[in-house]
mmCIF file of all heavy atoms, coordinates in Angstrom:
data_MODEL
# 
_entry.id   MODEL 
# 
loop_
_atom_site.group_PDB 
_atom_site.id 
_atom_site.type_symbol 
_atom_site.label_atom_id 
_atom_site.label_alt_id 
_atom_site.label_comp_id 
_atom_site.label_asym_id 
_atom_site.label_entity_id 
_atom_site.label_seq_id 
_atom_site.pdbx_PDB_ins_code 
_atom_site.Cartn_x 
_atom_site.Cartn_y 
_atom_site.Cartn_z 
_atom_site.occupancy 
_atom_site.B_iso_or_equiv 
_atom_site.pdbx_formal_charge 
_atom_site.auth_seq_id 
_atom_site.auth_comp_id 
_atom_site.auth_asym_id 
_atom_site.auth_atom_id 
_atom_site.pdbx_PDB_model_num 
ATOM 1   N N   . LEU A 1 1  ? 15.108  11.687 -17.117 1.00 0.00 ? 1  LEU A N   1 
ATOM 2   C CA  . LEU A 1 1  ? 13.751  12.162 -16.859 1.00 0.00 ? 1  LEU A CA  1 
ATOM 3   C C   . LEU A 1 1  ? 12.691  11.371 -17.622 1.00 0.00 ? 1  LEU A C   1 
ATOM 4   O O   . LEU A 1 1  ? 11.516  11.369 -17.246 1.00 0.00 ? 1  LEU A O   1 
ATOM 5   C CB  . LEU A 1 1  ? 13.640  13.652 -17.208 1.00 0.00 ? 1  LEU A CB  1 
ATOM 6   C CG  . LEU A 1 1  ? 14.498  14.603 -16.363 1.00 0.00 ? 1  LEU A CG  1 
ATOM 7   C CD1 . LEU A 1 1  ? 14.360  16.033 -16.870 1.00 0.00 ? 1  LEU A CD1 1 
ATOM 8   C CD2 . LEU A 1 1  ? 14.104  14.529 -14.890 1.00 0.00 ? 1  LEU A CD2 1 
ATOM 9   N N   . GLY A 1 2  ? 13.098  10.706 -18.673 1.00 0.00 ? 2  GLY A N   1 
ATOM 10  C CA  . GLY A 1 2  ? 12.139  9.932  -19.459 1.00 0.00 ? 2  GLY A CA  1 
ATOM 11  C C   . GLY A 1 2  ? 11.905  8.530  -18.941 1.00 0.00 ? 2  GLY A C   1 
ATOM 12  O O   . GLY A 1 2  ? 11.108  7.778  -19.518 1.00 0.00 ? 2  GLY A O   1 
ATOM 13  N N   . ASP A 1 3  ? 12.557  8.144  -17.850 1.00 0.00 ? 3  ASP A N   1 
ATOM 14  C CA  . ASP A 1 3  ? 12.364  6.814  -17.273 1.00 0.00 ? 3  ASP A CA  1 
ATOM 15  C C   . ASP A 1 3  ? 10.885  6.626  -16.932 1.00 0.00 ? 3  ASP A C   1 
ATOM 16  O O   . ASP A 1 3  ? 10.334  7.369  -16.123 1.00 0.00 ? 3  ASP A O   1 
ATOM 17  C CB  . ASP A 1 3  ? 13.225  6.674  -16.012 1.00 0.00 ? 3  ASP A CB  1 
ATOM 18  C CG  . ASP A 1 3  ? 13.229  5.259  -15.450 1.00 0.00 ? 3  ASP A CG  1 
ATOM 19  O OD1 . ASP A 1 3  ? 12.209  4.556  -15.588 1.00 0.00 ? 3  ASP A OD1 1 
ATOM 20  O OD2 . ASP A 1 3  ? 14.244  4.853  -14.863 1.00 0.00 ? 3  ASP A OD2 1 
ATOM 21  N N   . PRO A 1 4  ? 10.220  5.627  -17.511 1.00 0.00 ? 4  PRO A N   1 
ATOM 22  C CA  . PRO A 1 4  ? 8.761   5.506  -17.363 1.00 0.00 ? 4  PRO A CA  1 
ATOM 23  C C   . PRO A 1 4  ? 8.309   4.743  -16.126 1.00 0.00 ? 4  PRO A C   1 
ATOM 24  O O   . PRO A 1 4  ? 7.107   4.642  -15.875 1.00 0.00 ? 4  PRO A O   1 
ATOM 25  C CB  . PRO A 1 4  ? 8.374   4.733  -18.624 1.00 0.00 ? 4  PRO A CB  1 
ATOM 26  C CG  . PRO A 1 4  ? 9.544   3.832  -18.866 1.00 0.00 ? 4  PRO A CG  1 
ATOM 27  C CD  . PRO A 1 4  ? 10.768  4.628  -18.448 1.00 0.00 ? 4  PRO A CD  1 
ATOM 28  N N   . ARG A 1 5  ? 9.229   4.205  -15.329 1.00 0.00 ? 5  ARG A N   1 
ATOM 29  C CA  . ARG A 1 5  ? 8.819   3.283  -14.270 1.00 0.00 ? 5  ARG A CA  1 
ATOM 30  C C   . ARG A 1 5  ? 7.990   3.946  -13.173 1.00 0.00 ? 5  ARG A C   1 
ATOM 31  O O   . ARG A 1 5  ? 6.990   3.372  -12.713 1.00 0.00 ? 5  ARG A O   1 
ATOM 32  C CB  . ARG A 1 5  ? 10.065  2.614  -13.671 1.00 0.00 ? 5  ARG A CB  1 
ATOM 33  C CG  . ARG A 1 5  ? 10.711  1.599  -14.596 1.00 0.00 ? 5  ARG A CG  1 
ATOM 34  C CD  . ARG A 1 5  ? 11.999  1.053  -14.012 1.00 0.00 ? 5  ARG A CD  1 
ATOM 35  N NE  . ARG A 1 5  ? 13.032  2.080  -13.918 1.00 0.00 ? 5  ARG A NE  1 
ATOM 36  C CZ  . ARG A 1 5  ? 14.240  1.870  -13.405 1.00 0.00 ? 5  ARG A CZ  1 
ATOM 37  N NH1 . ARG A 1 5  ? 14.548  0.672  -12.920 1.00 0.00 ? 5  ARG A NH1 1 
ATOM 38  N NH2 . ARG A 1 5  ? 15.139  2.855  -13.366 1.00 0.00 ? 5  ARG A NH2 1 
ATOM 39  N N   . ASP A 1 6  ? 8.364   5.138  -12.743 1.00 0.00 ? 6  ASP A N   1 
ATOM 40  C CA  . ASP A 1 6  ? 7.582   5.798  -11.695 1.00 0.00 ? 6  ASP A CA  1 
ATOM 41  C C   . ASP A 1 6  ? 6.183   6.150  -12.183 1.00 0.00 ? 6  ASP A C   1 
ATOM 42  O O   . ASP A 1 6  ? 5.202   6.011  -11.438 1.00 0.00 ? 6  ASP A O   1 
ATOM 43  C CB  . ASP A 1 6  ? 8.298   7.060  -11.211 1.00 0.00 ? 6  ASP A CB  1 
ATOM 44  C CG  . ASP A 1 6  ? 9.435   6.743  -10.253 1.00 0.00 ? 6  ASP A CG  1 
ATOM 45  O OD1 . ASP A 1 6  ? 9.390   5.689  -9.598  1.00 0.00 ? 6  ASP A OD1 1 
ATOM 46  O OD2 . ASP A 1 6  ? 10.385  7.546  -10.168 1.00 0.00 ? 6  ASP A OD2 1 
ATOM 47  N N   . GLU A 1 7  ? 6.074   6.617  -13.407 1.00 0.00 ? 7  GLU A N   1 
ATOM 48  C CA  . GLU A 1 7  ? 4.748   6.946  -13.938 1.00 0.00 ? 7  GLU A CA  1 
ATOM 49  C C   . GLU A 1 7  ? 3.883   5.700  -14.023 1.00 0.00 ? 7  GLU A C   1 
ATOM 50  O O   . GLU A 1 7  ? 2.684   5.734  -13.703 1.00 0.00 ? 7  GLU A O   1 
ATOM 51  C CB  . GLU A 1 7  ? 4.867   7.605  -15.313 1.00 0.00 ? 7  GLU A CB  1 
ATOM 52  C CG  . GLU A 1 7  ? 3.524   8.046  -15.871 1.00 0.00 ? 7  GLU A CG  1 
ATOM 53  C CD  . GLU A 1 7  ? 3.649   8.815  -17.179 1.00 0.00 ? 7  GLU A CD  1 
ATOM 54  O OE1 . GLU A 1 7  ? 4.782   8.985  -17.667 1.00 0.00 ? 7  GLU A OE1 1 
ATOM 55  O OE2 . GLU A 1 7  ? 2.603   9.237  -17.706 1.00 0.00 ? 7  GLU A OE2 1 
ATOM 56  N N   . ALA A 1 8  ? 4.475   4.579  -14.425 1.00 0.00 ? 8  ALA A N   1 
ATOM 57  C CA  . ALA A 1 8  ? 3.718   3.326  -14.491 1.00 0.00 ? 8  ALA A CA  1 
ATOM 58  C C   . ALA A 1 8  ? 3.235   2.912  -13.103 1.00 0.00 ? 8  ALA A C   1 
ATOM 59  O O   . ALA A 1 8  ? 2.092   2.461  -12.927 1.00 0.00 ? 8  ALA A O   1 
ATOM 60  C CB  . ALA A 1 8  ? 4.581   2.221  -15.112 1.00 0.00 ? 8  ALA A CB  1 
ATOM 61  N N   . ASN A 1 9  ? 4.095   3.079  -12.090 1.00 0.00 ? 9  ASN A N   1 
ATOM 62  C CA  . ASN A 1 9  ? 3.703   2.717  -10.727 1.00 0.00 ? 9  ASN A CA  1 
ATOM 63  C C   . ASN A 1 9  ? 2.676   3.688  -10.151 1.00 0.00 ? 9  ASN A C   1 
ATOM 64  O O   . ASN A 1 9  ? 1.770   3.283  -9.419  1.00 0.00 ? 9  ASN A O   1 
ATOM 65  C CB  . ASN A 1 9  ? 4.934   2.680  -9.822  1.00 0.00 ? 9  ASN A CB  1 
ATOM 66  C CG  . ASN A 1 9  ? 5.773   1.434  -10.039 1.00 0.00 ? 9  ASN A CG  1 
ATOM 67  O OD1 . ASN A 1 9  ? 5.318   0.450  -10.621 1.00 0.00 ? 9  ASN A OD1 1 
ATOM 68  N ND2 . ASN A 1 9  ? 7.014   1.465  -9.565  1.00 0.00 ? 9  ASN A ND2 1 
ATOM 69  N N   . ALA A 1 10 ? 2.810   4.977  -10.471 1.00 0.00 ? 10 ALA A N   1 
ATOM 70  C CA  . ALA A 1 10 ? 1.892   5.981  -9.933  1.00 0.00 ? 10 ALA A CA  1 
ATOM 71  C C   . ALA A 1 10 ? 0.488   5.840  -10.498 1.00 0.00 ? 10 ALA A C   1 
ATOM 72  O O   . ALA A 1 10 ? -0.488  6.268  -9.862  1.00 0.00 ? 10 ALA A O   1 
ATOM 73  C CB  . ALA A 1 10 ? 2.430   7.383  -10.207 1.00 0.00 ? 10 ALA A CB  1 
ATOM 74  N N   . THR A 1 11 ? 0.349   5.260  -11.664 1.00 0.00 ? 11 THR A N   1 
ATOM 75  C CA  . THR A 1 11 ? -0.967  5.101  -12.291 1.00 0.00 ? 11 THR A CA  1 
ATOM 76  C C   . THR A 1 11 ? -1.487  3.667  -12.208 1.00 0.00 ? 11 THR A C   1 
ATOM 77  O O   . THR A 1 11 ? -2.654  3.424  -12.516 1.00 0.00 ? 11 THR A O   1 
ATOM 78  C CB  . THR A 1 11 ? -0.910  5.520  -13.767 1.00 0.00 ? 11 THR A CB  1 
ATOM 79  O OG1 . THR A 1 11 ? 0.100   4.750  -14.442 1.00 0.00 ? 11 THR A OG1 1 
ATOM 80  C CG2 . THR A 1 11 ? -0.578  6.998  -13.904 1.00 0.00 ? 11 THR A CG2 1 
ATOM 81  N N   . ARG A 1 12 ? -0.659  2.744  -11.780 1.00 0.00 ? 12 ARG A N   1 
ATOM 82  C CA  . ARG A 1 12 ? -1.024  1.330  -11.748 1.00 0.00 ? 12 ARG A CA  1 
ATOM 83  C C   . ARG A 1 12 ? -2.198  1.072  -10.800 1.00 0.00 ? 12 ARG A C   1 
ATOM 84  O O   . ARG A 1 12 ? -2.234  1.555  -9.678  1.00 0.00 ? 12 ARG A O   1 
ATOM 85  C CB  . ARG A 1 12 ? 0.179   0.495  -11.304 1.00 0.00 ? 12 ARG A CB  1 
ATOM 86  C CG  . ARG A 1 12 ? -0.105  -0.995 -11.142 1.00 0.00 ? 12 ARG A CG  1 
ATOM 87  C CD  . ARG A 1 12 ? 1.188   -1.749 -10.887 1.00 0.00 ? 12 ARG A CD  1 
ATOM 88  N NE  . ARG A 1 12 ? 0.941   -3.122 -10.475 1.00 0.00 ? 12 ARG A NE  1 
ATOM 89  C CZ  . ARG A 1 12 ? 1.882   -4.052 -10.353 1.00 0.00 ? 12 ARG A CZ  1 
ATOM 90  N NH1 . ARG A 1 12 ? 3.148   -3.751 -10.622 1.00 0.00 ? 12 ARG A NH1 1 
ATOM 91  N NH2 . ARG A 1 12 ? 1.579   -5.274 -9.953  1.00 0.00 ? 12 ARG A NH2 1 
ATOM 92  N N   . GLY A 1 13 ? -3.153  0.302  -11.271 1.00 0.00 ? 13 GLY A N   1 
ATOM 93  C CA  . GLY A 1 13 ? -4.267  -0.134 -10.444 1.00 0.00 ? 13 GLY A CA  1 
ATOM 94  C C   . GLY A 1 13 ? -5.318  0.918  -10.173 1.00 0.00 ? 13 GLY A C   1 
ATOM 95  O O   . GLY A 1 13 ? -6.160  0.736  -9.282  1.00 0.00 ? 13 GLY A O   1 
ATOM 96  N N   . LYS A 1 14 ? -5.329  2.005  -10.940 1.00 0.00 ? 14 LYS A N   1 
ATOM 97  C CA  . LYS A 1 14 ? -6.327  3.041  -10.669 1.00 0.00 ? 14 LYS A CA  1 
ATOM 98  C C   . LYS A 1 14 ? -7.727  2.539  -11.003 1.00 0.00 ? 14 LYS A C   1 
ATOM 99  O O   . LYS A 1 14 ? -7.980  2.024  -12.088 1.00 0.00 ? 14 LYS A O   1 
ATOM 100 C CB  . LYS A 1 14 ? -6.007  4.308  -11.462 1.00 0.00 ? 14 LYS A CB  1 
ATOM 101 C CG  . LYS A 1 14 ? -6.961  5.458  -11.150 1.00 0.00 ? 14 LYS A CG  1 
ATOM 102 C CD  . LYS A 1 14 ? -6.518  6.771  -11.780 1.00 0.00 ? 14 LYS A CD  1 
ATOM 103 C CE  . LYS A 1 14 ? -7.485  7.891  -11.444 1.00 0.00 ? 14 LYS A CE  1 
ATOM 104 N NZ  . LYS A 1 14 ? -7.045  9.200  -11.963 1.00 0.00 ? 14 LYS A NZ  1 
ATOM 105 N N   . LEU A 1 15 ? -8.665  2.747  -10.040 1.00 0.00 ? 15 LEU A N   1 
ATOM 106 C CA  . LEU A 1 15 ? -10.032 2.263  -10.194 1.00 0.00 ? 15 LEU A CA  1 
ATOM 107 C C   . LEU A 1 15 ? -11.045 3.394  -10.359 1.00 0.00 ? 15 LEU A C   1 
ATOM 108 O O   . LEU A 1 15 ? -12.033 3.240  -11.063 1.00 0.00 ? 15 LEU A O   1 
ATOM 109 C CB  . LEU A 1 15 ? -10.429 1.419  -8.972  1.00 0.00 ? 15 LEU A CB  1 
ATOM 110 C CG  . LEU A 1 15 ? -9.554  0.201  -8.663  1.00 0.00 ? 15 LEU A CG  1 
ATOM 111 C CD1 . LEU A 1 15 ? -10.018 -0.446 -7.362  1.00 0.00 ? 15 LEU A CD1 1 
ATOM 112 C CD2 . LEU A 1 15 ? -9.598  -0.799 -9.809  1.00 0.00 ? 15 LEU A CD2 1 
ATOM 113 N N   . ALA A 1 16 ? -10.824 4.507  -9.681  1.00 0.00 ? 16 ALA A N   1 
ATOM 114 C CA  . ALA A 1 16 ? -11.806 5.601  -9.701  1.00 0.00 ? 16 ALA A CA  1 
ATOM 115 C C   . ALA A 1 16 ? -11.147 6.855  -9.172  1.00 0.00 ? 16 ALA A C   1 
ATOM 116 O O   . ALA A 1 16 ? -10.031 6.817  -8.638  1.00 0.00 ? 16 ALA A O   1 
ATOM 117 C CB  . ALA A 1 16 ? -13.024 5.238  -8.843  1.00 0.00 ? 16 ALA A CB  1 
ATOM 118 N N   . GLU A 1 17 ? -11.825 7.982  -9.308  1.00 0.00 ? 17 GLU A N   1 
ATOM 119 C CA  . GLU A 1 17 ? -11.322 9.241  -8.766  1.00 0.00 ? 17 GLU A CA  1 
ATOM 120 C C   . GLU A 1 17 ? -12.473 10.141 -8.388  1.00 0.00 ? 17 GLU A C   1 
ATOM 121 O O   . GLU A 1 17 ? -13.609 9.970  -8.854  1.00 0.00 ? 17 GLU A O   1 
ATOM 122 C CB  . GLU A 1 17 ? -10.413 9.953  -9.770  1.00 0.00 ? 17 GLU A CB  1 
ATOM 123 C CG  . GLU A 1 17 ? -11.108 10.429 -11.026 1.00 0.00 ? 17 GLU A CG  1 
ATOM 124 C CD  . GLU A 1 17 ? -10.168 11.187 -11.957 1.00 0.00 ? 17 GLU A CD  1 
ATOM 125 O OE1 . GLU A 1 17 ? -9.023  10.728 -12.155 1.00 0.00 ? 17 GLU A OE1 1 
ATOM 126 O OE2 . GLU A 1 17 ? -10.594 12.240 -12.486 1.00 0.00 ? 17 GLU A OE2 1 
ATOM 127 N N   . ILE A 1 18 ? -12.197 11.112 -7.518  1.00 0.00 ? 18 ILE A N   1 
ATOM 128 C CA  . ILE A 1 18 ? -13.169 12.150 -7.181  1.00 0.00 ? 18 ILE A CA  1 
ATOM 129 C C   . ILE A 1 18 ? -13.220 13.130 -8.338  1.00 0.00 ? 18 ILE A C   1 
ATOM 130 O O   . ILE A 1 18 ? -12.185 13.611 -8.803  1.00 0.00 ? 18 ILE A O   1 
ATOM 131 C CB  . ILE A 1 18 ? -12.777 12.859 -5.871  1.00 0.00 ? 18 ILE A CB  1 
ATOM 132 C CG1 . ILE A 1 18 ? -12.847 11.877 -4.697  1.00 0.00 ? 18 ILE A CG1 1 
ATOM 133 C CG2 . ILE A 1 18 ? -13.682 14.061 -5.610  1.00 0.00 ? 18 ILE A CG2 1 
ATOM 134 C CD1 . ILE A 1 18 ? -12.343 12.457 -3.378  1.00 0.00 ? 18 ILE A CD1 1 
ATOM 135 N N   . ALA A 1 19 ? -14.410 13.414 -8.811  1.00 0.00 ? 19 ALA A N   1 
ATOM 136 C CA  . ALA A 1 19 ? -14.579 14.268 -9.988  1.00 0.00 ? 19 ALA A CA  1 
ATOM 137 C C   . ALA A 1 19 ? -13.857 15.604 -9.812  1.00 0.00 ? 19 ALA A C   1 
ATOM 138 O O   . ALA A 1 19 ? -14.073 16.309 -8.816  1.00 0.00 ? 19 ALA A O   1 
ATOM 139 C CB  . ALA A 1 19 ? -16.067 14.507 -10.251 1.00 0.00 ? 19 ALA A CB  1 
ATOM 140 N N   . ASP A 1 20 ? -12.992 15.916 -10.761 1.00 0.00 ? 20 ASP A N   1 
ATOM 141 C CA  . ASP A 1 20 ? -12.224 17.168 -10.788 1.00 0.00 ? 20 ASP A CA  1 
ATOM 142 C C   . ASP A 1 20 ? -11.274 17.315 -9.602  1.00 0.00 ? 20 ASP A C   1 
ATOM 143 O O   . ASP A 1 20 ? -10.630 18.349 -9.450  1.00 0.00 ? 20 ASP A O   1 
ATOM 144 C CB  . ASP A 1 20 ? -13.147 18.398 -10.835 1.00 0.00 ? 20 ASP A CB  1 
ATOM 145 C CG  . ASP A 1 20 ? -13.950 18.456 -12.118 1.00 0.00 ? 20 ASP A CG  1 
ATOM 146 O OD1 . ASP A 1 20 ? -13.410 18.060 -13.166 1.00 0.00 ? 20 ASP A OD1 1 
ATOM 147 O OD2 . ASP A 1 20 ? -15.119 18.884 -12.065 1.00 0.00 ? 20 ASP A OD2 1 
ATOM 148 N N   . GLY A 1 21 ? -11.210 16.305 -8.732  1.00 0.00 ? 21 GLY A N   1 
ATOM 149 C CA  . GLY A 1 21 ? -10.349 16.419 -7.553  1.00 0.00 ? 21 GLY A CA  1 
ATOM 150 C C   . GLY A 1 21 ? -10.796 17.510 -6.608  1.00 0.00 ? 21 GLY A C   1 
ATOM 151 O O   . GLY A 1 21 ? -9.973  18.174 -5.984  1.00 0.00 ? 21 GLY A O   1 
ATOM 152 N N   . VAL A 1 22 ? -12.107 17.702 -6.466  1.00 0.00 ? 22 VAL A N   1 
ATOM 153 C CA  . VAL A 1 22 ? -12.653 18.764 -5.627  1.00 0.00 ? 22 VAL A CA  1 
ATOM 154 C C   . VAL A 1 22 ? -13.338 18.148 -4.408  1.00 0.00 ? 22 VAL A C   1 
ATOM 155 O O   . VAL A 1 22 ? -14.196 17.274 -4.544  1.00 0.00 ? 22 VAL A O   1 
ATOM 156 C CB  . VAL A 1 22 ? -13.663 19.637 -6.397  1.00 0.00 ? 22 VAL A CB  1 
ATOM 157 C CG1 . VAL A 1 22 ? -14.281 20.685 -5.474  1.00 0.00 ? 22 VAL A CG1 1 
ATOM 158 C CG2 . VAL A 1 22 ? -12.989 20.305 -7.581  1.00 0.00 ? 22 VAL A CG2 1 
ATOM 159 N N   . ILE A 1 23 ? -12.960 18.613 -3.218  1.00 0.00 ? 23 ILE A N   1 
ATOM 160 C CA  . ILE A 1 23 ? -13.567 18.184 -1.961  1.00 0.00 ? 23 ILE A CA  1 
ATOM 161 C C   . ILE A 1 23 ? -14.072 19.416 -1.238  1.00 0.00 ? 23 ILE A C   1 
ATOM 162 O O   . ILE A 1 23 ? -13.340 20.400 -1.089  1.00 0.00 ? 23 ILE A O   1 
ATOM 163 C CB  . ILE A 1 23 ? -12.550 17.436 -1.082  1.00 0.00 ? 23 ILE A CB  1 
ATOM 164 C CG1 . ILE A 1 23 ? -12.050 16.162 -1.786  1.00 0.00 ? 23 ILE A CG1 1 
ATOM 165 C CG2 . ILE A 1 23 ? -13.162 17.079 0.276   1.00 0.00 ? 23 ILE A CG2 1 
ATOM 166 C CD1 . ILE A 1 23 ? -10.907 15.483 -1.068  1.00 0.00 ? 23 ILE A CD1 1 
ATOM 167 N N   . THR A 1 24 ? -15.308 19.371 -0.796  1.00 0.00 ? 24 THR A N   1 
ATOM 168 C CA  . THR A 1 24 ? -15.887 20.494 -0.056  1.00 0.00 ? 24 THR A CA  1 
ATOM 169 C C   . THR A 1 24 ? -16.321 20.035 1.327   1.00 0.00 ? 24 THR A C   1 
ATOM 170 O O   . THR A 1 24 ? -16.613 18.861 1.550   1.00 0.00 ? 24 THR A O   1 
ATOM 171 C CB  . THR A 1 24 ? -17.101 21.097 -0.787  1.00 0.00 ? 24 THR A CB  1 
ATOM 172 O OG1 . THR A 1 24 ? -18.070 20.068 -1.006  1.00 0.00 ? 24 THR A OG1 1 
ATOM 173 C CG2 . THR A 1 24 ? -16.683 21.676 -2.128  1.00 0.00 ? 24 THR A CG2 1 
# 
């Protein structure tokens, strides 16, 4: 469970996000 590769791939290249993850 501590294998870090998926977490590294899931966060790789992140540029921006929708604030709080809220869409209306």
